[in-house]
Protein backbone atom coordinates (compact mmCIF):
# COMPACT_ATOMS: atom_id res chain seq x y z
CA MET A 1 51.08 141.34 46.34
CA TYR A 2 52.44 137.80 46.34
CA TYR A 3 55.07 137.22 49.06
CA GLU A 4 55.56 133.46 49.19
CA GLU A 5 58.89 131.86 48.43
CA LYS A 6 58.83 128.51 46.63
CA THR A 7 61.36 125.94 47.88
CA MET A 8 63.32 124.58 44.93
CA LYS A 9 65.89 122.55 46.88
CA SER A 10 66.46 121.70 50.54
CA GLU A 11 69.72 120.37 51.98
CA ARG A 12 70.19 119.18 55.59
CA ILE A 13 73.57 120.48 56.81
CA TYR A 14 73.50 119.44 60.46
CA GLU A 15 71.40 117.26 62.77
CA GLY A 16 71.78 117.83 66.48
CA ARG A 17 70.14 117.04 69.79
CA ILE A 18 68.18 120.29 70.03
CA LEU A 19 68.25 121.66 66.51
CA ASN A 20 68.84 120.89 62.86
CA LEU A 21 70.21 123.21 60.19
CA ARG A 22 69.12 123.14 56.58
CA VAL A 23 69.77 125.38 53.60
CA ASP A 24 66.88 125.95 51.21
CA THR A 25 67.19 127.38 47.73
CA VAL A 26 64.03 129.39 47.09
CA GLU A 27 62.44 131.11 44.14
CA LEU A 28 61.43 134.66 45.08
CA PRO A 29 58.25 136.37 43.85
CA ASN A 30 60.36 138.21 41.24
CA ARG A 31 61.54 134.79 39.92
CA LYS A 32 65.10 135.24 41.20
CA TYR A 33 66.72 132.71 43.51
CA SER A 34 68.10 133.01 47.02
CA ARG A 35 69.32 130.76 49.81
CA ARG A 36 67.77 130.52 53.25
CA GLU A 37 69.65 129.09 56.25
CA ILE A 38 66.97 127.64 58.52
CA ILE A 39 67.25 126.26 62.03
CA GLU A 40 64.63 123.61 62.72
CA HIS A 41 63.68 123.48 66.40
CA ALA A 42 61.35 121.17 68.33
CA GLY A 43 59.75 124.09 70.16
CA ALA A 44 60.00 125.39 73.69
CA VAL A 45 57.97 126.52 76.66
CA VAL A 46 58.25 129.51 78.98
CA ILE A 47 56.59 129.44 82.37
CA ILE A 48 55.68 132.56 84.36
CA PRO A 49 55.36 131.22 87.93
CA VAL A 50 53.42 133.65 90.14
CA THR A 51 53.30 133.13 93.90
CA GLU A 52 50.57 134.10 96.37
CA ASP A 53 53.00 136.79 97.63
CA ASP A 54 52.89 138.68 94.31
CA GLU A 55 56.27 137.38 93.22
CA VAL A 56 57.58 135.63 90.15
CA ILE A 57 60.05 132.79 90.48
CA MET A 58 62.92 133.15 88.02
CA VAL A 59 66.42 131.83 87.41
CA LYS A 60 69.80 133.41 86.90
CA GLN A 61 71.75 131.31 84.46
CA PHE A 62 74.96 131.56 82.43
CA ARG A 63 74.33 131.45 78.68
CA LYS A 64 77.37 130.52 76.62
CA PRO A 65 76.25 132.05 73.29
CA ILE A 66 76.34 135.50 74.91
CA ASP A 67 78.90 134.70 77.68
CA LYS A 68 76.67 136.29 80.33
CA VAL A 69 74.52 135.41 83.30
CA ILE A 70 70.98 136.56 82.63
CA LEU A 71 67.66 136.58 84.46
CA GLU A 72 65.09 134.25 82.90
CA PHE A 73 61.73 132.66 83.48
CA PRO A 74 61.88 128.87 83.72
CA ALA A 75 61.91 127.54 80.18
CA GLY A 76 62.99 124.61 78.12
CA ILE A 77 62.70 122.46 75.05
CA ILE A 78 59.66 120.30 74.35
CA ASP A 79 60.83 116.69 74.29
CA LYS A 80 59.80 114.42 71.42
CA GLY A 81 56.24 113.16 71.96
CA GLU A 82 55.64 115.64 74.78
CA GLN A 83 52.80 118.16 74.79
CA PRO A 84 53.71 121.79 75.60
CA ILE A 85 51.77 121.74 78.88
CA GLU A 86 53.66 118.59 79.95
CA ALA A 87 56.98 120.25 79.11
CA ALA A 88 55.93 123.34 81.09
CA GLN A 89 55.13 121.31 84.22
CA ARG A 90 58.38 119.33 83.86
CA GLU A 91 60.54 122.44 83.37
CA LEU A 92 58.86 124.19 86.31
CA GLY A 93 59.87 121.29 88.54
CA GLU A 94 63.37 120.84 87.14
CA GLU A 95 64.34 124.51 87.15
CA VAL A 96 62.59 126.11 90.15
CA GLN A 97 61.45 123.01 92.09
CA GLN A 98 57.75 123.89 91.92
CA ASN A 99 54.55 122.21 90.78
CA ALA A 100 51.63 124.28 89.51
CA GLU A 101 48.09 123.56 90.59
CA GLU A 102 46.99 125.64 87.62
CA LEU A 103 49.00 125.94 84.41
CA GLU A 104 47.24 128.27 81.99
CA PHE A 105 48.28 128.44 78.33
CA LEU A 106 48.72 132.09 77.35
CA PHE A 107 49.96 132.30 73.75
CA ASP A 108 52.48 131.06 71.19
CA SER A 109 55.28 133.16 69.76
CA TYR A 110 57.98 132.60 67.15
CA SER A 111 61.40 133.39 68.63
CA SER A 112 63.03 134.67 65.42
CA PRO A 113 61.17 133.62 62.25
CA GLY A 114 63.83 135.07 59.97
CA PHE A 115 66.03 132.01 60.55
CA THR A 116 64.23 129.51 62.81
CA ASP A 117 60.87 127.78 63.05
CA GLU A 118 61.10 127.68 66.88
CA ASN A 119 57.69 128.22 68.45
CA ILE A 120 57.55 129.16 72.12
CA SER A 121 54.42 128.41 74.17
CA TYR A 122 53.93 130.67 77.20
CA PHE A 123 52.19 129.48 80.38
CA LEU A 124 51.10 131.18 83.60
CA ALA A 125 51.70 128.96 86.64
CA THR A 126 49.77 129.55 89.87
CA GLY A 127 48.91 127.53 92.95
CA LEU A 128 52.57 126.67 93.37
CA THR A 129 53.70 123.86 95.67
CA PRO A 130 57.14 122.33 96.27
CA PHE A 131 58.30 119.84 93.64
CA ASP A 132 59.17 116.40 94.99
CA GLY A 133 61.38 115.33 92.08
CA LYS A 134 64.97 116.04 91.13
CA ALA A 135 66.36 119.17 89.54
CA ASP A 136 68.33 118.89 86.29
CA GLU A 137 71.88 117.79 87.13
CA ASP A 138 73.41 119.50 84.10
CA GLU A 139 71.95 122.95 84.75
CA PHE A 140 73.67 125.37 87.05
CA LEU A 141 71.33 128.15 88.00
CA GLU A 142 70.19 130.28 90.89
CA VAL A 143 66.48 130.45 91.72
CA VAL A 144 65.34 133.98 92.60
CA ARG A 145 62.03 135.50 93.65
CA ILE A 146 61.18 138.98 92.44
CA LYS A 147 58.17 141.09 93.37
CA ILE A 148 56.08 141.72 90.26
CA PRO A 149 56.20 145.54 90.66
CA ASP A 150 60.01 145.29 90.85
CA LEU A 151 60.09 143.18 87.68
CA ILE A 152 57.93 145.75 85.88
CA GLU A 153 60.23 148.52 87.11
CA MET A 154 63.21 146.55 85.76
CA LEU A 155 61.35 146.35 82.43
CA HIS A 156 60.85 150.13 82.31
CA ASN A 157 64.50 150.72 83.28
CA PHE A 158 65.69 148.48 80.41
CA GLU A 159 67.37 146.07 82.85
CA LEU A 160 65.86 142.96 81.23
CA ASN A 161 67.66 141.63 78.17
CA ASP A 162 66.00 138.29 77.44
CA SER A 163 63.10 138.61 74.99
CA LYS A 164 61.09 135.89 76.77
CA VAL A 165 61.39 137.80 80.06
CA ILE A 166 60.48 141.09 78.41
CA THR A 167 57.43 139.46 76.81
CA GLY A 168 56.41 137.85 80.12
CA ALA A 169 56.90 141.08 82.07
CA LEU A 170 54.77 142.98 79.53
CA TYR A 171 52.09 140.31 79.88
CA LEU A 172 52.10 140.69 83.69
CA GLU A 173 52.01 144.48 83.44
CA ASN A 174 49.06 144.31 81.02
CA LEU A 175 47.27 141.84 83.31
CA ARG A 176 47.70 144.24 86.26
CA LEU A 177 46.45 147.20 84.20
CA LYS A 178 43.32 145.28 83.17
CA LYS A 179 42.54 144.49 86.82
CA HIS A 180 42.60 148.20 87.68
CA VAL A 181 40.31 149.29 84.84
């Protein structure tokens, strides 16, 4: 079966600092037309910082779109001209004041491909040392350390509500299971 949608017209509605919005008119496989609202995003990184004490370093941060404080891994947008690994090291320093001796690329994931092209690159950070730079002045967050078994328990108790954290916690749980096989 043929699934592809052919773009007939594309209109930029909004250009912002972190995203753009366009509306595409597409021809469907059945030759009917539809409109697609698409958020264009530069991409982002998520860092899973693991300490020698079997902890992950995370942040509690208020998120206006949901009007809640949530628990997150350090993460952020990839700046123009920046490679994902560079963004990961920068965000690690800015958000949790750590440098990583080893920053291992894990995988890429689309955040919500039904309406955005945002690609998120996940990294595992180990060999952590204190960051000697400045934290972001416009971010208000609390740095927290959580034992990995406690994070996995939070996952199983449905206490995590950020998809990046759920994905990262599942990755850590899978990594632990592989080590015991």
